[in-house]
């Protein structure tokens, strides 16, 4: 999406999804970079949903329901 690679993208709905694991996103640098990415995607009118890896793997039905609501809305 622009200069960013996102984990999942629905371009027609302008929806991006990022899956965050603590191992990859647990540092100060990653935290700061994620906030910059979030702001730039928002400015480009792209909705961004973030899910933790733990939530995705332990509660996939909840993640799917959230995605379904966002895509329907």
PDB file of N, CA and C in Angstrom:
ATOM      1  N   UNK A   1       0.866  -1.165   0.000  1.00  0.00           N
ATOM      2  CA  UNK A   1       0.000   0.000   0.000  1.00  0.00           C
ATOM      3  C   UNK A   1       0.904   1.216   0.000  1.00  0.00           C
ATOM      4  N   UNK A   2       1.036   1.840  -1.121  1.00  0.00           N
ATOM      5  CA  UNK A   2       1.985   2.940  -1.211  1.00  0.00           C
ATOM      6  C   UNK A   2       3.386   2.417  -0.994  1.00  0.00           C
ATOM      7  N   UNK A   3       4.115   3.028  -0.084  1.00  0.00           N
ATOM      8  CA  UNK A   3       5.480   2.568   0.197  1.00  0.00           C
ATOM      9  C   UNK A   3       5.519   1.482   1.271  1.00  0.00           C
ATOM     10  N   UNK A   4       4.342   1.093   1.764  1.00  0.00           N
ATOM     11  CA  UNK A   4       4.278   0.096   2.827  1.00  0.00           C
ATOM     12  C   UNK A   4       3.809  -1.254   2.319  1.00  0.00           C
ATOM     13  N   UNK A   5       4.386  -2.290   2.891  1.00  0.00           N
ATOM     14  CA  UNK A   5       3.901  -3.642   2.691  1.00  0.00           C
ATOM     15  C   UNK A   5       3.065  -3.991   3.914  1.00  0.00           C
ATOM     16  N   UNK A   6       1.819  -4.373   3.673  1.00  0.00           N
ATOM     17  CA  UNK A   6       0.939  -4.737   4.777  1.00  0.00           C
ATOM     18  C   UNK A   6       0.690  -6.241   4.726  1.00  0.00           C
ATOM     19  N   UNK A   7       0.203  -6.785   5.822  1.00  0.00           N
ATOM     20  CA  UNK A   7      -0.006  -8.236   5.901  1.00  0.00           C
ATOM     21  C   UNK A   7      -1.190  -8.696   5.069  1.00  0.00           C
ATOM     22  N   UNK A   8      -2.221  -7.884   4.978  1.00  0.00           N
ATOM     23  CA  UNK A   8      -3.390  -8.210   4.146  1.00  0.00           C
ATOM     24  C   UNK A   8      -3.989  -6.904   3.653  1.00  0.00           C
ATOM     25  N   UNK A   9      -4.545  -6.938   2.445  1.00  0.00           N
ATOM     26  CA  UNK A   9      -5.071  -5.724   1.847  1.00  0.00           C
ATOM     27  C   UNK A   9      -6.309  -6.034   1.020  1.00  0.00           C
ATOM     28  N   UNK A  10      -7.335  -5.222   1.220  1.00  0.00           N
ATOM     29  CA  UNK A  10      -8.531  -5.234   0.383  1.00  0.00           C
ATOM     30  C   UNK A  10      -8.561  -3.854  -0.280  1.00  0.00           C
ATOM     31  N   UNK A  11      -7.937  -3.722  -1.454  1.00  0.00           N
ATOM     32  CA  UNK A  11      -7.769  -2.391  -2.047  1.00  0.00           C
ATOM     33  C   UNK A  11      -9.080  -1.686  -2.384  1.00  0.00           C
ATOM     34  N   UNK A  12     -10.074  -2.418  -2.844  1.00  0.00           N
ATOM     35  CA  UNK A  12     -11.335  -1.774  -3.207  1.00  0.00           C
ATOM     36  C   UNK A  12     -12.031  -1.176  -1.990  1.00  0.00           C
ATOM     37  N   UNK A  13     -11.882  -1.819  -0.855  1.00  0.00           N
ATOM     38  CA  UNK A  13     -12.479  -1.311   0.382  1.00  0.00           C
ATOM     39  C   UNK A  13     -11.532  -0.379   1.139  1.00  0.00           C
ATOM     40  N   UNK A  14     -10.325  -0.250   0.631  1.00  0.00           N
ATOM     41  CA  UNK A  14      -9.297   0.578   1.262  1.00  0.00           C
ATOM     42  C   UNK A  14      -9.086   0.161   2.718  1.00  0.00           C
ATOM     43  N   UNK A  15      -8.927  -1.151   2.898  1.00  0.00           N
ATOM     44  CA  UNK A  15      -8.726  -1.744   4.214  1.00  0.00           C
ATOM     45  C   UNK A  15      -7.426  -2.530   4.217  1.00  0.00           C
ATOM     46  N   UNK A  16      -6.610  -2.263   5.208  1.00  0.00           N
ATOM     47  CA  UNK A  16      -5.363  -2.998   5.403  1.00  0.00           C
ATOM     48  C   UNK A  16      -5.384  -3.634   6.780  1.00  0.00           C
ATOM     49  N   UNK A  17      -4.706  -4.778   6.896  1.00  0.00           N
ATOM     50  CA  UNK A  17      -4.603  -5.486   8.171  1.00  0.00           C
ATOM     51  C   UNK A  17      -3.137  -5.750   8.464  1.00  0.00           C
ATOM     52  N   UNK A  18      -2.761  -5.535   9.711  1.00  0.00           N
ATOM     53  CA  UNK A  18      -1.434  -5.866  10.190  1.00  0.00           C
ATOM     54  C   UNK A  18      -1.575  -6.856  11.331  1.00  0.00           C
ATOM     55  N   UNK A  19      -0.751  -7.881  11.318  1.00  0.00           N
ATOM     56  CA  UNK A  19      -0.687  -8.858  12.393  1.00  0.00           C
ATOM     57  C   UNK A  19       0.602  -8.577  13.161  1.00  0.00           C
ATOM     58  N   UNK A  20       0.467  -8.246  14.430  1.00  0.00           N
ATOM     59  CA  UNK A  20       1.605  -7.844  15.241  1.00  0.00           C
ATOM     60  C   UNK A  20       1.966  -8.938  16.239  1.00  0.00           C
ATOM     61  N   UNK A  21       3.195  -9.379  16.183  1.00  0.00           N
ATOM     62  CA  UNK A  21       3.705 -10.273  17.210  1.00  0.00           C
ATOM     63  C   UNK A  21       4.628  -9.470  18.112  1.00  0.00           C
ATOM     64  N   UNK A  22       4.706  -9.858  19.365  1.00  0.00           N
ATOM     65  CA  UNK A  22       5.565  -9.127  20.284  1.00  0.00           C
ATOM     66  C   UNK A  22       7.027  -9.226  19.858  1.00  0.00           C
ATOM     67  N   UNK A  23       7.400 -10.364  19.278  1.00  0.00           N
ATOM     68  CA  UNK A  23       8.777 -10.548  18.837  1.00  0.00           C
ATOM     69  C   UNK A  23       9.204  -9.558  17.769  1.00  0.00           C
ATOM     70  N   UNK A  24       8.295  -9.209  16.881  1.00  0.00           N
ATOM     71  CA  UNK A  24       8.620  -8.276  15.793  1.00  0.00           C
ATOM     72  C   UNK A  24       8.242  -6.830  16.105  1.00  0.00           C
ATOM     73  N   UNK A  25       7.327  -6.639  17.027  1.00  0.00           N
ATOM     74  CA  UNK A  25       6.812  -5.293  17.276  1.00  0.00           C
ATOM     75  C   UNK A  25       6.988  -4.861  18.731  1.00  0.00           C
ATOM     76  N   UNK A  26       7.841  -5.533  19.471  1.00  0.00           N
ATOM     77  CA  UNK A  26       7.991  -5.257  20.887  1.00  0.00           C
ATOM     78  C   UNK A  26       9.078  -4.266  21.251  1.00  0.00           C
ATOM     79  N   UNK A  27       9.737  -3.693  20.251  1.00  0.00           N
ATOM     80  CA  UNK A  27      10.804  -2.731  20.555  1.00  0.00           C
ATOM     81  C   UNK A  27      10.294  -1.300  20.415  1.00  0.00           C
ATOM     82  N   UNK A  28      11.017  -0.366  20.998  1.00  0.00           N
ATOM     83  CA  UNK A  28      10.674   1.056  20.879  1.00  0.00           C
ATOM     84  C   UNK A  28      10.661   1.470  19.400  1.00  0.00           C
ATOM     85  N   UNK A  29      11.670   1.023  18.650  1.00  0.00           N
ATOM     86  CA  UNK A  29      11.759   1.392  17.234  1.00  0.00           C
ATOM     87  C   UNK A  29      10.541   0.888  16.458  1.00  0.00           C
ATOM     88  N   UNK A  30      10.178  -0.371  16.665  1.00  0.00           N
ATOM     89  CA  UNK A  30       9.020  -0.927  15.966  1.00  0.00           C
ATOM     90  C   UNK A  30       7.745  -0.193  16.358  1.00  0.00           C
ATOM     91  N   UNK A  31       7.612   0.125  17.638  1.00  0.00           N
ATOM     92  CA  UNK A  31       6.447   0.868  18.115  1.00  0.00           C
ATOM     93  C   UNK A  31       6.342   2.207  17.394  1.00  0.00           C
ATOM     94  N   UNK A  32       7.444   2.942  17.343  1.00  0.00           N
ATOM     95  CA  UNK A  32       7.452   4.253  16.679  1.00  0.00           C
ATOM     96  C   UNK A  32       7.154   4.126  15.186  1.00  0.00           C
ATOM     97  N   UNK A  33       7.778   3.161  14.524  1.00  0.00           N
ATOM     98  CA  UNK A  33       7.554   2.963  13.091  1.00  0.00           C
ATOM     99  C   UNK A  33       6.100   2.603  12.796  1.00  0.00           C
ATOM    100  N   UNK A  34       5.508   1.805  13.660  1.00  0.00           N
ATOM    101  CA  UNK A  34       4.105   1.443  13.472  1.00  0.00           C
ATOM    102  C   UNK A  34       3.197   2.661  13.573  1.00  0.00           C
ATOM    103  N   UNK A  35       3.489   3.581  14.495  1.00  0.00           N
ATOM    104  CA  UNK A  35       2.666   4.785  14.632  1.00  0.00           C
ATOM    105  C   UNK A  35       2.782   5.668  13.385  1.00  0.00           C
ATOM    106  N   UNK A  36       3.984   5.777  12.819  1.00  0.00           N
ATOM    107  CA  UNK A  36       4.170   6.560  11.593  1.00  0.00           C
ATOM    108  C   UNK A  36       3.369   5.920  10.457  1.00  0.00           C
ATOM    109  N   UNK A  37       3.484   4.605  10.315  1.00  0.00           N
ATOM    110  CA  UNK A  37       2.741   3.880   9.278  1.00  0.00           C
ATOM    111  C   UNK A  37       1.239   4.098   9.442  1.00  0.00           C
ATOM    112  N   UNK A  38       0.748   3.960  10.669  1.00  0.00           N
ATOM    113  CA  UNK A  38      -0.683   4.142  10.923  1.00  0.00           C
ATOM    114  C   UNK A  38      -1.151   5.522  10.479  1.00  0.00           C
ATOM    115  N   UNK A  39      -0.390   6.544  10.832  1.00  0.00           N
ATOM    116  CA  UNK A  39      -0.769   7.917  10.484  1.00  0.00           C
ATOM    117  C   UNK A  39      -0.744   8.147   8.976  1.00  0.00           C
ATOM    118  N   UNK A  40       0.260   7.614   8.311  1.00  0.00           N
ATOM    119  CA  UNK A  40       0.355   7.800   6.858  1.00  0.00           C
ATOM    120  C   UNK A  40      -0.757   7.052   6.124  1.00  0.00           C
ATOM    121  N   UNK A  41      -1.088   5.856   6.570  1.00  0.00           N
ATOM    122  CA  UNK A  41      -2.193   5.132   5.943  1.00  0.00           C
ATOM    123  C   UNK A  41      -3.518   5.842   6.193  1.00  0.00           C
ATOM    124  N   UNK A  42      -3.703   6.364   7.391  1.00  0.00           N
ATOM    125  CA  UNK A  42      -4.928   7.104   7.689  1.00  0.00           C
ATOM    126  C   UNK A  42      -5.035   8.337   6.804  1.00  0.00           C
ATOM    127  N   UNK A  43      -3.947   9.048   6.625  1.00  0.00           N
ATOM    128  CA  UNK A  43      -3.948  10.230   5.759  1.00  0.00           C
ATOM    129  C   UNK A  43      -4.284   9.858   4.313  1.00  0.00           C
ATOM    130  N   UNK A  44      -3.939   8.631   3.914  1.00  0.00           N
ATOM    131  CA  UNK A  44      -4.239   8.151   2.560  1.00  0.00           C
ATOM    132  C   UNK A  44      -5.640   7.538   2.483  1.00  0.00           C
ATOM    133  N   UNK A  45      -6.418   7.699   3.554  1.00  0.00           N
ATOM    134  CA  UNK A  45      -7.792   7.173   3.613  1.00  0.00           C
ATOM    135  C   UNK A  45      -7.855   5.656   3.548  1.00  0.00           C
ATOM    136  N   UNK A  46      -6.875   5.014   4.157  1.00  0.00           N
ATOM    137  CA  UNK A  46      -6.859   3.556   4.256  1.00  0.00           C
ATOM    138  C   UNK A  46      -7.143   3.195   5.709  1.00  0.00           C
ATOM    139  N   UNK A  47      -8.189   2.408   5.921  1.00  0.00           N
ATOM    140  CA  UNK A  47      -8.488   1.929   7.271  1.00  0.00           C
ATOM    141  C   UNK A  47      -7.498   0.816   7.601  1.00  0.00           C
ATOM    142  N   UNK A  48      -6.990   0.831   8.802  1.00  0.00           N
ATOM    143  CA  UNK A  48      -6.017  -0.170   9.225  1.00  0.00           C
ATOM    144  C   UNK A  48      -6.514  -0.858  10.476  1.00  0.00           C
ATOM    145  N   UNK A  49      -6.582  -2.166  10.413  1.00  0.00           N
ATOM    146  CA  UNK A  49      -6.898  -2.974  11.588  1.00  0.00           C
ATOM    147  C   UNK A  49      -5.633  -3.688  12.016  1.00  0.00           C
ATOM    148  N   UNK A  50      -5.384  -3.703  13.306  1.00  0.00           N
ATOM    149  CA  UNK A  50      -4.242  -4.426  13.860  1.00  0.00           C
ATOM    150  C   UNK A  50      -4.759  -5.531  14.769  1.00  0.00           C
ATOM    151  N   UNK A  51      -4.191  -6.705  14.582  1.00  0.00           N
ATOM    152  CA  UNK A  51      -4.493  -7.845  15.441  1.00  0.00           C
ATOM    153  C   UNK A  51      -3.168  -8.401  15.937  1.00  0.00           C
ATOM    154  N   UNK A  52      -3.165  -8.875  17.158  1.00  0.00           N
ATOM    155  CA  UNK A  52      -1.960  -9.541  17.628  1.00  0.00           C
ATOM    156  C   UNK A  52      -1.932 -10.964  17.082  1.00  0.00           C
ATOM    157  N   UNK A  53      -0.737 -11.510  16.960  1.00  0.00           N
ATOM    158  CA  UNK A  53      -0.584 -12.896  16.518  1.00  0.00           C
ATOM    159  C   UNK A  53      -1.325 -13.826  17.484  1.00  0.00           C
ATOM    160  N   UNK A  54      -1.222 -13.513  18.750  1.00  0.00           N
ATOM    161  CA  UNK A  54      -1.878 -14.341  19.762  1.00  0.00           C
ATOM    162  C   UNK A  54      -3.394 -14.349  19.569  1.00  0.00           C
ATOM    163  N   UNK A  55      -3.964 -13.181  19.316  1.00  0.00           N
ATOM    164  CA  UNK A  55      -5.419 -13.116  19.090  1.00  0.00           C
ATOM    165  C   UNK A  55      -5.800 -13.870  17.824  1.00  0.00           C
ATOM    166  N   UNK A  56      -5.025 -13.701  16.781  1.00  0.00           N
ATOM    167  CA  UNK A  56      -5.312 -14.394  15.521  1.00  0.00           C
ATOM    168  C   UNK A  56      -5.294 -15.903  15.709  1.00  0.00           C
ATOM    169  N   UNK A  57      -4.318 -16.403  16.442  1.00  0.00           N
ATOM    170  CA  UNK A  57      -4.188 -17.856  16.575  1.00  0.00           C
ATOM    171  C   UNK A  57      -5.095 -18.440  17.650  1.00  0.00           C
ATOM    172  N   UNK A  58      -5.427 -17.658  18.662  1.00  0.00           N
ATOM    173  CA  UNK A  58      -6.268 -18.185  19.748  1.00  0.00           C
ATOM    174  C   UNK A  58      -7.748 -17.885  19.573  1.00  0.00           C
ATOM    175  N   UNK A  59      -8.059 -16.824  18.828  1.00  0.00           N
ATOM    176  CA  UNK A  59      -9.452 -16.413  18.647  1.00  0.00           C
ATOM    177  C   UNK A  59      -9.721 -16.030  17.190  1.00  0.00           C
ATOM    178  N   UNK A  60      -9.451 -16.936  16.262  1.00  0.00           N
ATOM    179  CA  UNK A  60      -9.613 -16.586  14.847  1.00  0.00           C
ATOM    180  C   UNK A  60     -11.039 -16.203  14.488  1.00  0.00           C
ATOM    181  N   UNK A  61     -12.034 -16.775  15.168  1.00  0.00           N
ATOM    182  CA  UNK A  61     -13.418 -16.440  14.864  1.00  0.00           C
ATOM    183  C   UNK A  61     -13.726 -14.985  15.212  1.00  0.00           C
ATOM    184  N   UNK A  62     -13.140 -14.469  16.272  1.00  0.00           N
ATOM    185  CA  UNK A  62     -13.333 -13.066  16.639  1.00  0.00           C
ATOM    186  C   UNK A  62     -12.668 -12.149  15.617  1.00  0.00           C
ATOM    187  N   UNK A  63     -11.490 -12.528  15.164  1.00  0.00           N
ATOM    188  CA  UNK A  63     -10.794 -11.751  14.128  1.00  0.00           C
ATOM    189  C   UNK A  63     -11.624 -11.744  12.849  1.00  0.00           C
ATOM    190  N   UNK A  64     -12.133 -12.908  12.458  1.00  0.00           N
ATOM    191  CA  UNK A  64     -12.952 -13.005  11.238  1.00  0.00           C
ATOM    192  C   UNK A  64     -14.218 -12.167  11.367  1.00  0.00           C
ATOM    193  N   UNK A  65     -14.837 -12.165  12.541  1.00  0.00           N
ATOM    194  CA  UNK A  65     -16.035 -11.368  12.739  1.00  0.00           C
ATOM    195  C   UNK A  65     -15.745  -9.876  12.620  1.00  0.00           C
ATOM    196  N   UNK A  66     -14.631  -9.446  13.189  1.00  0.00           N
ATOM    197  CA  UNK A  66     -14.248  -8.030  13.079  1.00  0.00           C
ATOM    198  C   UNK A  66     -13.998  -7.658  11.618  1.00  0.00           C
ATOM    199  N   UNK A  67     -13.282  -8.500  10.911  1.00  0.00           N
ATOM    200  CA  UNK A  67     -13.031  -8.235   9.486  1.00  0.00           C
ATOM    201  C   UNK A  67     -14.332  -8.201   8.702  1.00  0.00           C
ATOM    202  N   UNK A  68     -15.212  -9.146   8.985  1.00  0.00           N
ATOM    203  CA  UNK A  68     -16.500  -9.183   8.299  1.00  0.00           C
ATOM    204  C   UNK A  68     -17.311  -7.911   8.498  1.00  0.00           C
ATOM    205  N   UNK A  69     -17.349  -7.440   9.735  1.00  0.00           N
ATOM    206  CA  UNK A  69     -18.065  -6.189  10.016  1.00  0.00           C
ATOM    207  C   UNK A  69     -17.450  -5.011   9.276  1.00  0.00           C
ATOM    208  N   UNK A  70     -16.134  -4.946   9.283  1.00  0.00           N
ATOM    209  CA  UNK A  70     -15.447  -3.830   8.619  1.00  0.00           C
ATOM    210  C   UNK A  70     -15.679  -3.860   7.108  1.00  0.00           C
ATOM    211  N   UNK A  71     -15.605  -5.038   6.524  1.00  0.00           N
ATOM    212  CA  UNK A  71     -15.794  -5.168   5.075  1.00  0.00           C
ATOM    213  C   UNK A  71     -17.246  -4.933   4.668  1.00  0.00           C
ATOM    214  N   UNK A  72     -18.179  -5.226   5.539  1.00  0.00           N
ATOM    215  CA  UNK A  72     -19.594  -5.021   5.243  1.00  0.00           C
ATOM    216  C   UNK A  72     -20.028  -3.574   5.401  1.00  0.00           C
ATOM    217  N   UNK A  73     -19.268  -2.841   6.213  1.00  0.00           N
ATOM    218  CA  UNK A  73     -19.685  -1.510   6.597  1.00  0.00           C
ATOM    219  C   UNK A  73     -19.325  -0.425   5.693  1.00  0.00           C
TER     220      UNK A  73
END
